[in-house]
Amino acid sequence: MGSVLVRWGGFGAVVGVALAILTLKGGAFDWRPILLLGAIGAVVGTCGGVVVRLVAPGHPSPTNLAAIAGCLVGAVVGGAVGATTGLGRPMLALFNPTLPPRDFQQVFGIIGGVVVGAVAGALAGAALSRTLGRKAAPGDAEDSR
């Protein structure tokens, strides 16, 4: 169980650090926000691992590493794309239209990009894993003759 929680916590820490790096502003480099978001991600990830273990005790599900990698890559790419494409305006209009776009457009764009990118990356990784790891069924090809 310990290794599973380490994987969950490590994944959360990596996502937190990636989100912190995406939101860095110009000027003096500061490690504190990176460490803080990494720690928050590790705690949230570990809590997620505990919840999964409590929901399905004794039934370890197979880990789809391609889906996890796709989720991480999608979150990072989505955050970068969301910060630069103007995704923040529709996100602000949808979730909190009272905030000034000048101050919050980039942050909301990053958040929306991370969420959309993580989901899309996980789905793409799972599909790729299923496609590459799929064994041929007897009726799939003509080699069954």
C-alpha atoms as a PDB file:
ATOM      1  CA  MET A   1       0.000   0.000   0.000  1.00  0.00           C
ATOM      2  CA  GLY A   2       2.900   2.333   0.697  1.00  0.00           C
ATOM      3  CA  SER A   3       4.193   2.307  -2.851  1.00  0.00           C
ATOM      4  CA  VAL A   4       0.752   3.127  -4.206  1.00  0.00           C
ATOM      5  CA  LEU A   5       0.483   6.162  -1.920  1.00  0.00           C
ATOM      6  CA  VAL A   6       3.972   7.259  -2.951  1.00  0.00           C
ATOM      7  CA  ARG A   7       2.907   7.098  -6.618  1.00  0.00           C
ATOM      8  CA  TRP A   8      -0.287   9.051  -5.941  1.00  0.00           C
ATOM      9  CA  GLY A   9       1.542  11.638  -3.855  1.00  0.00           C
ATOM     10  CA  GLY A  10       4.392  11.900  -6.335  1.00  0.00           C
ATOM     11  CA  PHE A  11       1.997  12.446  -9.210  1.00  0.00           C
ATOM     12  CA  GLY A  12       0.209  15.182  -7.253  1.00  0.00           C
ATOM     13  CA  ALA A  13       3.522  16.828  -6.402  1.00  0.00           C
ATOM     14  CA  VAL A  14       4.638  16.816 -10.047  1.00  0.00           C
ATOM     15  CA  VAL A  15       1.344  18.356 -11.169  1.00  0.00           C
ATOM     16  CA  GLY A  16       1.580  21.006  -8.410  1.00  0.00           C
ATOM     17  CA  VAL A  17       5.149  21.896  -9.373  1.00  0.00           C
ATOM     18  CA  ALA A  18       4.209  22.063 -13.062  1.00  0.00           C
ATOM     19  CA  LEU A  19       1.303  24.376 -12.270  1.00  0.00           C
ATOM     20  CA  ALA A  20       3.572  26.607 -10.175  1.00  0.00           C
ATOM     21  CA  ILE A  21       6.171  26.806 -12.940  1.00  0.00           C
ATOM     22  CA  LEU A  22       3.486  27.717 -15.471  1.00  0.00           C
ATOM     23  CA  THR A  23       2.345  30.652 -13.338  1.00  0.00           C
ATOM     24  CA  LEU A  24       5.803  32.132 -12.670  1.00  0.00           C
ATOM     25  CA  LYS A  25       6.037  35.816 -13.411  1.00  0.00           C
ATOM     26  CA  GLY A  26       9.125  37.638 -14.625  1.00  0.00           C
ATOM     27  CA  GLY A  27      11.522  39.098 -12.120  1.00  0.00           C
ATOM     28  CA  ALA A  28      13.313  37.454  -9.227  1.00  0.00           C
ATOM     29  CA  PHE A  29      12.964  33.663  -9.154  1.00  0.00           C
ATOM     30  CA  ASP A  30      11.359  32.369  -5.972  1.00  0.00           C
ATOM     31  CA  TRP A  31      11.236  28.690  -4.954  1.00  0.00           C
ATOM     32  CA  ARG A  32       8.575  29.131  -2.272  1.00  0.00           C
ATOM     33  CA  PRO A  33       5.476  29.017  -4.549  1.00  0.00           C
ATOM     34  CA  ILE A  34       6.891  25.998  -6.377  1.00  0.00           C
ATOM     35  CA  LEU A  35       7.516  24.133  -3.132  1.00  0.00           C
ATOM     36  CA  LEU A  36       4.145  25.150  -1.694  1.00  0.00           C
ATOM     37  CA  LEU A  37       2.127  23.987  -4.705  1.00  0.00           C
ATOM     38  CA  GLY A  38       4.227  20.823  -4.920  1.00  0.00           C
ATOM     39  CA  ALA A  39       3.477  20.067  -1.264  1.00  0.00           C
ATOM     40  CA  ILE A  40      -0.220  20.787  -1.729  1.00  0.00           C
ATOM     41  CA  GLY A  41      -0.270  18.501  -4.772  1.00  0.00           C
ATOM     42  CA  ALA A  42       1.485  15.750  -2.818  1.00  0.00           C
ATOM     43  CA  VAL A  43      -1.038  15.977   0.022  1.00  0.00           C
ATOM     44  CA  VAL A  44      -4.023  15.999  -2.336  1.00  0.00           C
ATOM     45  CA  GLY A  45      -2.575  13.108  -4.348  1.00  0.00           C
ATOM     46  CA  THR A  46      -1.918  11.060  -1.227  1.00  0.00           C
ATOM     47  CA  CYS A  47      -5.463  11.738   0.003  1.00  0.00           C
ATOM     48  CA  GLY A  48      -6.755  10.543  -3.373  1.00  0.00           C
ATOM     49  CA  GLY A  49      -4.739   7.333  -2.992  1.00  0.00           C
ATOM     50  CA  VAL A  50      -6.166   6.767   0.487  1.00  0.00           C
ATOM     51  CA  VAL A  51      -9.715   7.309  -0.787  1.00  0.00           C
ATOM     52  CA  VAL A  52      -9.175   4.826  -3.613  1.00  0.00           C
ATOM     53  CA  ARG A  53      -7.832   2.254  -1.159  1.00  0.00           C
ATOM     54  CA  LEU A  54     -10.787   2.785   1.190  1.00  0.00           C
ATOM     55  CA  VAL A  55     -13.339   2.471  -1.608  1.00  0.00           C
ATOM     56  CA  ALA A  56     -11.854  -0.746  -3.020  1.00  0.00           C
ATOM     57  CA  PRO A  57      -9.903  -2.491  -0.256  1.00  0.00           C
ATOM     58  CA  GLY A  58      -8.034  -5.578  -1.375  1.00  0.00           C
ATOM     59  CA  HIS A  59      -8.876  -5.004  -5.011  1.00  0.00           C
ATOM     60  CA  PRO A  60      -5.850  -3.310  -6.495  1.00  0.00           C
ATOM     61  CA  SER A  61      -6.748  -2.065  -9.926  1.00  0.00           C
ATOM     62  CA  PRO A  62      -4.201  -2.288 -12.704  1.00  0.00           C
ATOM     63  CA  THR A  63      -2.335   0.956 -13.171  1.00  0.00           C
ATOM     64  CA  ASN A  64      -2.432   2.347 -16.664  1.00  0.00           C
ATOM     65  CA  LEU A  65       0.880   4.180 -16.815  1.00  0.00           C
ATOM     66  CA  ALA A  66       0.182   5.502 -20.310  1.00  0.00           C
ATOM     67  CA  ALA A  67      -2.994   7.198 -19.059  1.00  0.00           C
ATOM     68  CA  ILE A  68      -1.116   8.698 -16.104  1.00  0.00           C
ATOM     69  CA  ALA A  69       1.665   9.967 -18.365  1.00  0.00           C
ATOM     70  CA  GLY A  70      -0.907  11.331 -20.814  1.00  0.00           C
ATOM     71  CA  CYS A  71      -2.685  13.103 -17.973  1.00  0.00           C
ATOM     72  CA  LEU A  72       0.545  14.736 -16.802  1.00  0.00           C
ATOM     73  CA  VAL A  73       1.648  15.777 -20.283  1.00  0.00           C
ATOM     74  CA  GLY A  74      -1.853  16.994 -21.100  1.00  0.00           C
ATOM     75  CA  ALA A  75      -1.987  19.067 -17.909  1.00  0.00           C
ATOM     76  CA  VAL A  76       1.323  20.773 -18.628  1.00  0.00           C
ATOM     77  CA  VAL A  77       0.579  21.391 -22.311  1.00  0.00           C
ATOM     78  CA  GLY A  78      -2.988  22.448 -21.569  1.00  0.00           C
ATOM     79  CA  GLY A  79      -1.824  24.915 -18.926  1.00  0.00           C
ATOM     80  CA  ALA A  80       0.655  26.483 -21.317  1.00  0.00           C
ATOM     81  CA  VAL A  81      -1.904  26.661 -24.120  1.00  0.00           C
ATOM     82  CA  GLY A  82      -4.601  27.997 -21.808  1.00  0.00           C
ATOM     83  CA  ALA A  83      -2.324  30.765 -20.561  1.00  0.00           C
ATOM     84  CA  THR A  84      -1.479  32.014 -24.020  1.00  0.00           C
ATOM     85  CA  THR A  85      -4.663  31.537 -26.066  1.00  0.00           C
ATOM     86  CA  GLY A  86      -7.255  33.576 -24.208  1.00  0.00           C
ATOM     87  CA  LEU A  87      -9.095  30.621 -22.696  1.00  0.00           C
ATOM     88  CA  GLY A  88      -9.352  32.687 -19.507  1.00  0.00           C
ATOM     89  CA  ARG A  89     -12.060  35.001 -20.859  1.00  0.00           C
ATOM     90  CA  PRO A  90     -14.694  32.281 -21.382  1.00  0.00           C
ATOM     91  CA  MET A  91     -13.625  30.638 -18.120  1.00  0.00           C
ATOM     92  CA  LEU A  92     -14.134  33.924 -16.270  1.00  0.00           C
ATOM     93  CA  ALA A  93     -17.464  34.505 -17.987  1.00  0.00           C
ATOM     94  CA  LEU A  94     -18.596  31.032 -17.001  1.00  0.00           C
ATOM     95  CA  PHE A  95     -17.357  30.751 -13.412  1.00  0.00           C
ATOM     96  CA  ASN A  96     -16.941  34.279 -12.039  1.00  0.00           C
ATOM     97  CA  PRO A  97     -17.940  37.123 -14.359  1.00  0.00           C
ATOM     98  CA  THR A  98     -17.478  39.766 -11.641  1.00  0.00           C
ATOM     99  CA  LEU A  99     -13.674  39.414 -11.631  1.00  0.00           C
ATOM    100  CA  PRO A 100     -11.693  41.804 -13.824  1.00  0.00           C
ATOM    101  CA  PRO A 101     -10.316  39.946 -16.876  1.00  0.00           C
ATOM    102  CA  ARG A 102      -7.081  41.944 -16.850  1.00  0.00           C
ATOM    103  CA  ASP A 103      -6.104  40.485 -13.466  1.00  0.00           C
ATOM    104  CA  PHE A 104      -7.497  36.953 -13.687  1.00  0.00           C
ATOM    105  CA  GLN A 105      -7.625  35.992 -17.367  1.00  0.00           C
ATOM    106  CA  GLN A 106      -4.268  34.206 -17.426  1.00  0.00           C
ATOM    107  CA  VAL A 107      -4.845  32.305 -14.171  1.00  0.00           C
ATOM    108  CA  PHE A 108      -8.276  31.100 -15.245  1.00  0.00           C
ATOM    109  CA  GLY A 109      -6.860  30.172 -18.643  1.00  0.00           C
ATOM    110  CA  ILE A 110      -4.184  28.051 -16.983  1.00  0.00           C
ATOM    111  CA  ILE A 111      -6.708  26.336 -14.715  1.00  0.00           C
ATOM    112  CA  GLY A 112      -9.068  25.576 -17.599  1.00  0.00           C
ATOM    113  CA  GLY A 113      -6.211  24.410 -19.803  1.00  0.00           C
ATOM    114  CA  VAL A 114      -4.872  22.093 -17.107  1.00  0.00           C
ATOM    115  CA  VAL A 115      -8.274  20.511 -16.531  1.00  0.00           C
ATOM    116  CA  VAL A 116      -9.097  20.050 -20.220  1.00  0.00           C
ATOM    117  CA  GLY A 117      -5.548  18.964 -21.082  1.00  0.00           C
ATOM    118  CA  ALA A 118      -5.370  16.450 -18.234  1.00  0.00           C
ATOM    119  CA  VAL A 119      -8.635  14.802 -19.219  1.00  0.00           C
ATOM    120  CA  ALA A 120      -7.744  14.759 -22.918  1.00  0.00           C
ATOM    121  CA  GLY A 121      -4.239  13.460 -22.194  1.00  0.00           C
ATOM    122  CA  ALA A 122      -5.519  10.695 -19.922  1.00  0.00           C
ATOM    123  CA  LEU A 123      -8.058   9.602 -22.524  1.00  0.00           C
ATOM    124  CA  ALA A 124      -5.439   9.667 -25.283  1.00  0.00           C
ATOM    125  CA  GLY A 125      -2.961   7.725 -23.136  1.00  0.00           C
ATOM    126  CA  ALA A 126      -5.566   5.119 -22.225  1.00  0.00           C
ATOM    127  CA  ALA A 127      -6.632   4.747 -25.858  1.00  0.00           C
ATOM    128  CA  LEU A 128      -3.028   4.456 -26.990  1.00  0.00           C
ATOM    129  CA  SER A 129      -2.302   1.905 -24.287  1.00  0.00           C
ATOM    130  CA  ARG A 130      -5.351  -0.127 -25.209  1.00  0.00           C
ATOM    131  CA  THR A 131      -4.518   0.041 -28.920  1.00  0.00           C
ATOM    132  CA  LEU A 132      -0.868  -0.928 -28.530  1.00  0.00           C
ATOM    133  CA  GLY A 133      -1.397  -3.549 -25.854  1.00  0.00           C
ATOM    134  CA  ARG A 134      -4.428  -5.202 -27.417  1.00  0.00           C
ATOM    135  CA  LYS A 135      -4.133  -8.853 -28.256  1.00  0.00           C
ATOM    136  CA  ALA A 136      -5.691 -10.078 -31.477  1.00  0.00           C
ATOM    137  CA  ALA A 137      -9.008 -11.804 -31.032  1.00  0.00           C
ATOM    138  CA  PRO A 138      -9.703 -14.960 -33.076  1.00  0.00           C
ATOM    139  CA  GLY A 139     -12.072 -13.166 -35.474  1.00  0.00           C
ATOM    140  CA  ASP A 140      -9.943 -10.017 -35.936  1.00  0.00           C
ATOM    141  CA  ALA A 141      -7.721 -11.069 -38.779  1.00  0.00           C
ATOM    142  CA  GLU A 142      -7.491 -13.726 -41.388  1.00  0.00           C
ATOM    143  CA  ASP A 143      -4.618 -15.416 -39.610  1.00  0.00           C
ATOM    144  CA  SER A 144      -7.084 -17.722 -37.819  1.00  0.00           C
ATOM    145  CA  ARG A 145      -7.286 -19.999 -40.862  1.00  0.00           C
END
